[in-house]
């Protein structure tokens, strides 16, 4: 599928929108490699992201995120999923746009809060979950707009979202 275009497909979006789940599903259906930048960072650092934030700080994490993204995007025919904050860097947005077809997953604030309830692994969500989600969504408003295509995942199954992305890819690549 889409063999004529060897670029990557990069799945971005706010935390809790389903990036990793959808990305893994899409890669499997396409027969492409799935790479998750957060998992790659954890593997190279030998510790979870929450610990990186706590001990090294967000700036250190963001530098590692950019370095990993640059490394990953040297390859092709991958579905790359990212952390939600990767879009904070203009360089990261440029790298993704130039090296892949970018799809942004979205969801309503209520849906995100529901999905993230009970997840203590996310360092930016310490405190009131609903308040933090709404504040971060507001801070990041517009930062996902560089994507080639957006899919609202609210109330949809993984299969529905994956099919919607595949349909968009078929239209883009004429297959």
C-alpha atoms as a PDB file:
ATOM      1  CA  UNK A   1       0.000   0.000   0.000  1.00  0.00           C
ATOM      2  CA  UNK A   2       1.351   3.427  -1.010  1.00  0.00           C
ATOM      3  CA  UNK A   3       4.575   1.834  -2.262  1.00  0.00           C
ATOM      4  CA  UNK A   4       5.102   4.682  -4.742  1.00  0.00           C
ATOM      5  CA  UNK A   5       5.675   7.102  -1.890  1.00  0.00           C
ATOM      6  CA  UNK A   6       8.401   6.075   0.530  1.00  0.00           C
ATOM      7  CA  UNK A   7       7.864   8.919   2.960  1.00  0.00           C
ATOM      8  CA  UNK A   8       6.885   8.291   6.530  1.00  0.00           C
ATOM      9  CA  UNK A   9       3.453   8.713   8.023  1.00  0.00           C
ATOM     10  CA  UNK A  10       3.736  10.728  11.218  1.00  0.00           C
ATOM     11  CA  UNK A  11       0.901  10.619  13.735  1.00  0.00           C
ATOM     12  CA  UNK A  12       0.754  13.610  16.084  1.00  0.00           C
ATOM     13  CA  UNK A  13      -1.786  14.933  18.545  1.00  0.00           C
ATOM     14  CA  UNK A  14      -2.440  15.841  22.141  1.00  0.00           C
ATOM     15  CA  UNK A  15      -1.901  13.141  24.768  1.00  0.00           C
ATOM     16  CA  UNK A  16      -4.802  10.729  24.982  1.00  0.00           C
ATOM     17  CA  UNK A  17      -5.938  11.138  21.376  1.00  0.00           C
ATOM     18  CA  UNK A  18      -4.844   7.595  20.483  1.00  0.00           C
ATOM     19  CA  UNK A  19      -1.587   8.191  18.618  1.00  0.00           C
ATOM     20  CA  UNK A  20       0.306   5.078  19.699  1.00  0.00           C
ATOM     21  CA  UNK A  21      -2.660   2.733  19.424  1.00  0.00           C
ATOM     22  CA  UNK A  22      -3.720   4.035  16.014  1.00  0.00           C
ATOM     23  CA  UNK A  23      -0.129   4.250  14.769  1.00  0.00           C
ATOM     24  CA  UNK A  24       0.596   0.630  15.654  1.00  0.00           C
ATOM     25  CA  UNK A  25      -2.643  -0.467  13.974  1.00  0.00           C
ATOM     26  CA  UNK A  26      -1.941   1.569  10.845  1.00  0.00           C
ATOM     27  CA  UNK A  27       1.628   0.265  10.545  1.00  0.00           C
ATOM     28  CA  UNK A  28       0.433  -3.324  10.845  1.00  0.00           C
ATOM     29  CA  UNK A  29      -2.239  -2.834   8.176  1.00  0.00           C
ATOM     30  CA  UNK A  30       0.254  -1.167   5.833  1.00  0.00           C
ATOM     31  CA  UNK A  31       3.101  -3.596   6.469  1.00  0.00           C
ATOM     32  CA  UNK A  32       5.332  -0.711   7.569  1.00  0.00           C
ATOM     33  CA  UNK A  33       7.504  -0.377  10.651  1.00  0.00           C
ATOM     34  CA  UNK A  34       5.972   1.368  13.666  1.00  0.00           C
ATOM     35  CA  UNK A  35       8.270   3.684  15.633  1.00  0.00           C
ATOM     36  CA  UNK A  36       7.142   5.544  18.751  1.00  0.00           C
ATOM     37  CA  UNK A  37       9.474   8.425  19.638  1.00  0.00           C
ATOM     38  CA  UNK A  38       8.594   8.305  23.343  1.00  0.00           C
ATOM     39  CA  UNK A  39       9.388   4.579  23.484  1.00  0.00           C
ATOM     40  CA  UNK A  40      12.660   5.215  21.647  1.00  0.00           C
ATOM     41  CA  UNK A  41      13.624   7.923  24.151  1.00  0.00           C
ATOM     42  CA  UNK A  42      12.853   5.613  27.083  1.00  0.00           C
ATOM     43  CA  UNK A  43      14.871   2.791  25.500  1.00  0.00           C
ATOM     44  CA  UNK A  44      17.907   4.988  24.838  1.00  0.00           C
ATOM     45  CA  UNK A  45      17.748   6.696  28.231  1.00  0.00           C
ATOM     46  CA  UNK A  46      17.009   3.478  30.127  1.00  0.00           C
ATOM     47  CA  UNK A  47      14.294   5.125  32.198  1.00  0.00           C
ATOM     48  CA  UNK A  48      10.700   6.306  31.846  1.00  0.00           C
ATOM     49  CA  UNK A  49       9.842   9.776  30.561  1.00  0.00           C
ATOM     50  CA  UNK A  50       8.304  10.697  33.906  1.00  0.00           C
ATOM     51  CA  UNK A  51      11.719  10.162  35.516  1.00  0.00           C
ATOM     52  CA  UNK A  52      13.451  12.190  32.792  1.00  0.00           C
ATOM     53  CA  UNK A  53      11.111  15.103  33.481  1.00  0.00           C
ATOM     54  CA  UNK A  54      11.620  14.784  37.225  1.00  0.00           C
ATOM     55  CA  UNK A  55      15.411  14.446  37.250  1.00  0.00           C
ATOM     56  CA  UNK A  56      16.544  16.246  34.089  1.00  0.00           C
ATOM     57  CA  UNK A  57      13.692  18.667  33.406  1.00  0.00           C
ATOM     58  CA  UNK A  58      11.428  19.329  30.444  1.00  0.00           C
ATOM     59  CA  UNK A  59      14.127  21.168  28.447  1.00  0.00           C
ATOM     60  CA  UNK A  60      16.382  18.113  28.520  1.00  0.00           C
ATOM     61  CA  UNK A  61      13.496  15.893  27.448  1.00  0.00           C
ATOM     62  CA  UNK A  62      12.602  18.221  24.546  1.00  0.00           C
ATOM     63  CA  UNK A  63      16.228  18.174  23.342  1.00  0.00           C
ATOM     64  CA  UNK A  64      16.233  14.367  23.399  1.00  0.00           C
ATOM     65  CA  UNK A  65      12.884  14.364  21.604  1.00  0.00           C
ATOM     66  CA  UNK A  66      14.286  16.456  18.741  1.00  0.00           C
ATOM     67  CA  UNK A  67      17.422  14.308  18.474  1.00  0.00           C
ATOM     68  CA  UNK A  68      15.347  11.113  18.357  1.00  0.00           C
ATOM     69  CA  UNK A  69      12.993  12.611  15.762  1.00  0.00           C
ATOM     70  CA  UNK A  70      15.925  13.589  13.541  1.00  0.00           C
ATOM     71  CA  UNK A  71      17.354  10.083  13.819  1.00  0.00           C
ATOM     72  CA  UNK A  72      14.051   8.294  13.190  1.00  0.00           C
ATOM     73  CA  UNK A  73      13.176  10.415  10.152  1.00  0.00           C
ATOM     74  CA  UNK A  74      16.347   9.326   8.343  1.00  0.00           C
ATOM     75  CA  UNK A  75      14.465   6.110   7.564  1.00  0.00           C
ATOM     76  CA  UNK A  76      11.426   5.618   5.339  1.00  0.00           C
ATOM     77  CA  UNK A  77       8.272   3.511   5.191  1.00  0.00           C
ATOM     78  CA  UNK A  78       7.524   3.967   8.869  1.00  0.00           C
ATOM     79  CA  UNK A  79       4.501   4.995  10.841  1.00  0.00           C
ATOM     80  CA  UNK A  80       6.004   7.320  13.444  1.00  0.00           C
ATOM     81  CA  UNK A  81       4.046   8.243  16.563  1.00  0.00           C
ATOM     82  CA  UNK A  82       5.197  11.084  18.772  1.00  0.00           C
ATOM     83  CA  UNK A  83       4.659  12.559  22.176  1.00  0.00           C
ATOM     84  CA  UNK A  84       1.963  15.208  22.313  1.00  0.00           C
ATOM     85  CA  UNK A  85       4.386  18.044  23.018  1.00  0.00           C
ATOM     86  CA  UNK A  86       6.704  17.394  20.079  1.00  0.00           C
ATOM     87  CA  UNK A  87       4.903  20.194  18.221  1.00  0.00           C
ATOM     88  CA  UNK A  88       6.170  22.800  20.708  1.00  0.00           C
ATOM     89  CA  UNK A  89       9.377  23.067  18.671  1.00  0.00           C
ATOM     90  CA  UNK A  90       9.184  24.849  15.292  1.00  0.00           C
ATOM     91  CA  UNK A  91      12.134  22.695  14.161  1.00  0.00           C
ATOM     92  CA  UNK A  92      10.213  19.502  14.965  1.00  0.00           C
ATOM     93  CA  UNK A  93       7.178  20.738  13.031  1.00  0.00           C
ATOM     94  CA  UNK A  94       9.398  21.509  10.043  1.00  0.00           C
ATOM     95  CA  UNK A  95      11.169  18.135  10.224  1.00  0.00           C
ATOM     96  CA  UNK A  96       7.891  16.241  10.332  1.00  0.00           C
ATOM     97  CA  UNK A  97       6.301  18.219   7.501  1.00  0.00           C
ATOM     98  CA  UNK A  98       9.379  17.753   5.285  1.00  0.00           C
ATOM     99  CA  UNK A  99       9.886  14.057   6.012  1.00  0.00           C
ATOM    100  CA  UNK A 100       6.430  12.600   6.065  1.00  0.00           C
ATOM    101  CA  UNK A 101       2.732  12.828   5.651  1.00  0.00           C
ATOM    102  CA  UNK A 102       1.495  14.222   8.959  1.00  0.00           C
ATOM    103  CA  UNK A 103      -1.860  13.263  10.448  1.00  0.00           C
ATOM    104  CA  UNK A 104      -3.065  14.982  13.614  1.00  0.00           C
ATOM    105  CA  UNK A 105      -5.413  13.100  15.902  1.00  0.00           C
ATOM    106  CA  UNK A 106      -7.800  15.209  17.943  1.00  0.00           C
ATOM    107  CA  UNK A 107     -10.423  14.521  20.591  1.00  0.00           C
ATOM    108  CA  UNK A 108     -12.693  16.588  22.775  1.00  0.00           C
ATOM    109  CA  UNK A 109     -11.325  17.719  26.143  1.00  0.00           C
ATOM    110  CA  UNK A 110     -13.909  15.553  27.915  1.00  0.00           C
ATOM    111  CA  UNK A 111     -12.848  12.501  25.898  1.00  0.00           C
ATOM    112  CA  UNK A 112      -9.168  13.132  26.650  1.00  0.00           C
ATOM    113  CA  UNK A 113      -9.873  13.484  30.373  1.00  0.00           C
ATOM    114  CA  UNK A 114     -11.860  10.239  30.304  1.00  0.00           C
ATOM    115  CA  UNK A 115      -9.055   8.381  28.514  1.00  0.00           C
ATOM    116  CA  UNK A 116      -6.306   9.705  30.784  1.00  0.00           C
ATOM    117  CA  UNK A 117      -8.102   9.222  34.108  1.00  0.00           C
ATOM    118  CA  UNK A 118      -5.957   7.019  36.323  1.00  0.00           C
ATOM    119  CA  UNK A 119      -2.796   7.394  34.199  1.00  0.00           C
ATOM    120  CA  UNK A 120      -0.070   8.517  36.599  1.00  0.00           C
ATOM    121  CA  UNK A 121       2.742   8.210  34.033  1.00  0.00           C
ATOM    122  CA  UNK A 122       2.253  11.615  32.402  1.00  0.00           C
ATOM    123  CA  UNK A 123       4.431  14.254  34.054  1.00  0.00           C
ATOM    124  CA  UNK A 124       2.559  17.256  32.647  1.00  0.00           C
ATOM    125  CA  UNK A 125      -0.741  16.134  34.187  1.00  0.00           C
ATOM    126  CA  UNK A 126       0.158  16.362  37.847  1.00  0.00           C
ATOM    127  CA  UNK A 127      -2.668  18.041  39.773  1.00  0.00           C
ATOM    128  CA  UNK A 128      -6.257  18.415  38.603  1.00  0.00           C
ATOM    129  CA  UNK A 129      -6.509  16.342  35.421  1.00  0.00           C
ATOM    130  CA  UNK A 130      -9.374  18.233  33.827  1.00  0.00           C
ATOM    131  CA  UNK A 131      -7.850  21.628  34.607  1.00  0.00           C
ATOM    132  CA  UNK A 132      -4.413  20.610  33.271  1.00  0.00           C
ATOM    133  CA  UNK A 133      -5.829  19.072  30.078  1.00  0.00           C
ATOM    134  CA  UNK A 134      -7.879  22.165  29.288  1.00  0.00           C
ATOM    135  CA  UNK A 135      -4.947  24.483  30.036  1.00  0.00           C
ATOM    136  CA  UNK A 136      -2.508  22.491  27.899  1.00  0.00           C
ATOM    137  CA  UNK A 137      -5.021  22.251  25.047  1.00  0.00           C
ATOM    138  CA  UNK A 138      -5.374  26.031  25.136  1.00  0.00           C
ATOM    139  CA  UNK A 139      -1.588  26.538  25.240  1.00  0.00           C
ATOM    140  CA  UNK A 140      -1.123  24.232  22.248  1.00  0.00           C
ATOM    141  CA  UNK A 141      -4.026  25.618  20.243  1.00  0.00           C
ATOM    142  CA  UNK A 142      -2.956  25.851  16.605  1.00  0.00           C
ATOM    143  CA  UNK A 143       0.295  23.920  17.017  1.00  0.00           C
ATOM    144  CA  UNK A 144      -1.104  20.830  15.289  1.00  0.00           C
ATOM    145  CA  UNK A 145      -2.461  22.825  12.334  1.00  0.00           C
ATOM    146  CA  UNK A 146       0.588  22.135  10.141  1.00  0.00           C
ATOM    147  CA  UNK A 147      -0.605  18.537   9.684  1.00  0.00           C
ATOM    148  CA  UNK A 148      -1.704  17.444   6.230  1.00  0.00           C
ATOM    149  CA  UNK A 149      -4.869  15.898   7.651  1.00  0.00           C
ATOM    150  CA  UNK A 150      -6.786  15.773  10.944  1.00  0.00           C
ATOM    151  CA  UNK A 151      -8.945  13.010  12.382  1.00  0.00           C
ATOM    152  CA  UNK A 152     -11.215  13.536  15.375  1.00  0.00           C
ATOM    153  CA  UNK A 153     -11.024  10.327  17.415  1.00  0.00           C
ATOM    154  CA  UNK A 154     -13.823  11.234  19.833  1.00  0.00           C
ATOM    155  CA  UNK A 155     -16.187   8.268  20.147  1.00  0.00           C
ATOM    156  CA  UNK A 156     -14.469   6.301  17.357  1.00  0.00           C
ATOM    157  CA  UNK A 157     -12.875   2.868  17.443  1.00  0.00           C
ATOM    158  CA  UNK A 158      -9.256   2.239  16.500  1.00  0.00           C
ATOM    159  CA  UNK A 159     -10.510   0.552  13.345  1.00  0.00           C
ATOM    160  CA  UNK A 160     -12.653   3.576  12.416  1.00  0.00           C
ATOM    161  CA  UNK A 161      -9.753   5.983  12.838  1.00  0.00           C
ATOM    162  CA  UNK A 162      -7.314   3.734  10.977  1.00  0.00           C
ATOM    163  CA  UNK A 163      -9.768   3.335   8.091  1.00  0.00           C
ATOM    164  CA  UNK A 164     -10.268   7.103   7.928  1.00  0.00           C
ATOM    165  CA  UNK A 165      -6.513   7.645   7.681  1.00  0.00           C
ATOM    166  CA  UNK A 166      -6.155   4.929   5.031  1.00  0.00           C
ATOM    167  CA  UNK A 167      -8.918   6.544   2.987  1.00  0.00           C
ATOM    168  CA  UNK A 168      -7.179   9.924   3.172  1.00  0.00           C
ATOM    169  CA  UNK A 169      -3.856   8.351   2.180  1.00  0.00           C
ATOM    170  CA  UNK A 170      -5.473   6.648  -0.800  1.00  0.00           C
ATOM    171  CA  UNK A 171      -6.841  10.005  -1.959  1.00  0.00           C
ATOM    172  CA  UNK A 172      -3.487  11.738  -1.501  1.00  0.00           C
ATOM    173  CA  UNK A 173      -1.488   9.068  -3.285  1.00  0.00           C
ATOM    174  CA  UNK A 174      -4.138   8.194  -5.854  1.00  0.00           C
ATOM    175  CA  UNK A 175      -4.386   4.533  -4.942  1.00  0.00           C
END
